Amino acid sequence: MEAKKPRFRIMKKGYDRFAVDDALERLTFDLESKESQLQSYIKQTEYAQEQVDQIKERYHSLLSELSVREKAADDIARLALKEANTVIQSAQKNADSIVQEALSTAKMILIEIARISREAQGVKAEMLDKIQRLSESIEAFEVPRIPAVKLSQIKDKEQDEPV
């Protein structure tokens, strides 16, 4: 905004002194007002710059803190993966040991079953032999013939005899 150039009436000894004084007074007031505004704007700018500096400082602080946390998270993830691998290896060793023990136990059980089976076959053969001899003994056994006497007659005779 450009201010209008003041025009003064020309008088005997120069310009109208009162008009010049009045214009100077207005211009001085405007200048002071503008300087006051300028000072206010300078303070606002300084305050805004301080806030920008604080925000930048906070941003850099957060950025470095984020970097530290990311590094810590990476370290934790690496350690967790290492620990998980250790647990998995331990579990695999334990599983292998359990499987070996189970196979060993199963082998011993099968050996015992085979032994019992052989013994059972021996006992079976022995029992068949004994049954065969018993059957032959039974076949060879002769039951004596009982005379054809009626039991009722024998009872009657026993009652008739005095004691």
Protein backbone atom coordinates (compact mmCIF):
# COMPACT_ATOMS: atom_id res chain seq x y z
CA MET A 1 0.00 0.00 0.00
CA GLU A 2 1.41 3.24 -1.03
CA ALA A 3 0.41 6.30 0.91
CA LYS A 4 -0.74 9.32 -1.05
CA LYS A 5 1.79 12.00 -1.40
CA PRO A 6 0.65 14.89 0.70
CA ARG A 7 0.11 18.14 -1.12
CA PHE A 8 0.49 21.35 0.74
CA ARG A 9 -0.71 24.81 -0.03
CA ILE A 10 2.03 27.19 -0.81
CA MET A 11 2.07 30.31 1.27
CA LYS A 12 4.20 33.37 1.59
CA LYS A 13 7.15 31.95 3.33
CA GLY A 14 6.80 28.34 2.10
CA TYR A 15 4.23 25.67 2.70
CA ASP A 16 1.32 25.81 5.15
CA ARG A 17 3.02 25.06 8.39
CA PHE A 18 -0.04 23.62 10.10
CA ALA A 19 -0.81 21.28 7.19
CA VAL A 20 2.84 20.10 7.14
CA ASP A 21 2.83 19.59 10.91
CA ASP A 22 -0.45 17.73 10.67
CA ALA A 23 0.87 15.51 7.85
CA LEU A 24 4.09 14.89 9.78
CA GLU A 25 2.10 14.00 12.86
CA ARG A 26 -0.04 11.54 10.89
CA LEU A 27 3.02 10.05 9.22
CA THR A 28 4.80 9.76 12.58
CA PHE A 29 1.75 8.07 14.07
CA ASP A 30 1.58 5.67 11.10
CA LEU A 31 5.32 5.01 11.39
CA GLU A 32 5.05 4.29 15.12
CA SER A 33 2.03 2.08 14.50
CA LYS A 34 3.90 0.21 11.77
CA GLU A 35 7.00 -0.12 13.98
CA SER A 36 4.80 -1.44 16.80
CA GLN A 37 3.27 -3.96 14.40
CA LEU A 38 6.73 -4.81 13.12
CA GLN A 39 7.97 -5.44 16.69
CA SER A 40 4.90 -7.58 17.35
CA TYR A 41 5.54 -9.55 14.15
CA ILE A 42 9.23 -9.90 15.04
CA LYS A 43 8.26 -11.28 18.49
CA GLN A 44 5.77 -13.65 16.91
CA THR A 45 8.37 -14.75 14.39
CA GLU A 46 10.96 -15.29 17.15
CA TYR A 47 8.42 -17.26 19.17
CA ALA A 48 7.50 -19.31 16.10
CA GLN A 49 11.20 -19.89 15.38
CA GLU A 50 11.73 -21.05 18.98
CA GLN A 51 8.82 -23.45 18.59
CA VAL A 52 10.22 -24.70 15.28
CA ASP A 53 13.62 -25.21 16.94
CA GLN A 54 11.99 -27.07 19.85
CA ILE A 55 9.97 -29.19 17.45
CA LYS A 56 13.11 -29.95 15.41
CA GLU A 57 14.98 -30.84 18.58
CA ARG A 58 12.12 -33.08 19.72
CA TYR A 59 11.95 -34.62 16.23
CA HIS A 60 15.66 -35.44 16.26
CA SER A 61 15.35 -36.77 19.80
CA LEU A 62 12.42 -38.99 18.79
CA LEU A 63 14.28 -40.07 15.67
CA SER A 64 17.32 -41.14 17.67
CA GLU A 65 15.10 -42.81 20.28
CA LEU A 66 13.28 -44.66 17.50
CA SER A 67 16.61 -45.76 16.07
CA VAL A 68 17.70 -47.05 19.49
CA ARG A 69 14.41 -48.88 19.94
CA GLU A 70 14.59 -50.41 16.46
CA LYS A 71 18.12 -51.62 17.22
CA ALA A 72 16.93 -53.03 20.55
CA ALA A 73 13.98 -54.73 18.82
CA ASP A 74 16.35 -56.22 16.24
CA ASP A 75 18.64 -57.45 19.02
CA ILE A 76 15.71 -58.97 20.90
CA ALA A 77 14.41 -60.63 17.72
CA ARG A 78 17.87 -62.05 17.00
CA LEU A 79 18.22 -63.33 20.57
CA ALA A 80 14.71 -64.81 20.48
CA LEU A 81 15.48 -66.58 17.22
CA LYS A 82 18.74 -67.91 18.64
CA GLU A 83 16.94 -69.12 21.78
CA ALA A 84 14.18 -70.69 19.67
CA ASN A 85 16.78 -72.54 17.61
CA THR A 86 18.42 -73.77 20.82
CA VAL A 87 15.06 -74.98 22.15
CA ILE A 88 14.29 -76.69 18.84
CA GLN A 89 17.68 -78.44 18.80
CA SER A 90 17.20 -79.56 22.40
CA ALA A 91 13.71 -80.83 21.61
CA GLN A 92 15.03 -82.72 18.59
CA LYS A 93 17.77 -84.34 20.71
CA ASN A 94 15.20 -85.27 23.36
CA ALA A 95 12.84 -86.65 20.71
CA ASP A 96 15.67 -88.70 19.16
CA SER A 97 16.56 -90.04 22.60
CA ILE A 98 12.93 -90.95 23.32
CA VAL A 99 12.57 -92.65 19.94
CA GLN A 100 15.80 -94.63 20.50
CA GLU A 101 14.61 -95.69 23.93
CA ALA A 102 11.20 -96.69 22.55
CA LEU A 103 12.83 -98.71 19.77
CA SER A 104 15.11 -100.41 22.28
CA THR A 105 12.16 -101.24 24.53
CA ALA A 106 10.16 -102.52 21.55
CA LYS A 107 13.10 -104.71 20.50
CA MET A 108 13.36 -106.17 24.04
CA ILE A 109 9.61 -106.80 24.07
CA LEU A 110 9.77 -108.56 20.69
CA ILE A 111 12.68 -110.70 21.90
CA GLU A 112 10.70 -111.59 25.03
CA ILE A 113 7.61 -112.40 22.93
CA ALA A 114 9.73 -114.66 20.71
CA ARG A 115 11.16 -116.44 23.79
CA ILE A 116 7.70 -116.89 25.28
CA SER A 117 6.43 -118.16 21.93
CA ARG A 118 9.22 -120.76 21.77
CA GLU A 119 8.52 -121.80 25.34
CA ALA A 120 4.79 -121.99 24.60
CA GLN A 121 5.50 -124.21 21.58
CA GLY A 122 7.64 -126.45 23.80
CA VAL A 123 4.91 -126.58 26.47
CA LYS A 124 2.31 -127.24 23.76
CA ALA A 125 4.34 -130.12 22.36
CA GLU A 126 4.84 -131.51 25.87
CA MET A 127 1.11 -131.14 26.65
CA LEU A 128 0.18 -132.84 23.37
CA ASP A 129 2.53 -135.68 24.26
CA LYS A 130 1.00 -136.01 27.75
CA ILE A 131 -2.53 -135.80 26.32
CA GLN A 132 -1.63 -138.49 23.80
CA ARG A 133 -0.30 -140.77 26.57
CA LEU A 134 -3.32 -140.01 28.74
CA SER A 135 -5.62 -140.79 25.81
CA GLU A 136 -3.78 -144.04 25.21
CA SER A 137 -4.00 -144.87 28.93
CA ILE A 138 -7.73 -144.15 28.90
CA GLU A 139 -8.19 -146.32 25.82
CA ALA A 140 -6.17 -149.10 27.43
CA PHE A 141 -8.16 -148.93 30.65
CA GLU A 142 -10.77 -151.67 30.85
CA VAL A 143 -13.74 -151.23 33.02
CA PRO A 144 -14.65 -154.50 34.82
CA ARG A 145 -18.08 -155.92 34.08
CA ILE A 146 -20.57 -155.64 36.84
CA PRO A 147 -22.77 -158.67 37.33
CA ALA A 148 -26.41 -158.10 36.54
CA VAL A 149 -27.72 -158.11 40.06
CA LYS A 150 -30.54 -155.96 40.95
CA LEU A 151 -29.75 -153.58 43.69
CA SER A 152 -33.22 -153.91 45.17
CA GLN A 153 -32.65 -157.60 45.84
CA ILE A 154 -29.37 -156.91 47.59
CA LYS A 155 -31.05 -154.42 49.82
CA ASP A 156 -33.83 -156.80 50.75
CA LYS A 157 -31.32 -159.48 51.70
CA GLU A 158 -29.45 -157.10 53.89
CA GLN A 159 -32.61 -156.17 55.74
CA ASP A 160 -33.59 -159.80 56.31
CA GLU A 161 -30.31 -160.69 57.93
CA PRO A 162 -30.16 -160.01 61.64
CA VAL A 163 -27.41 -157.95 62.86
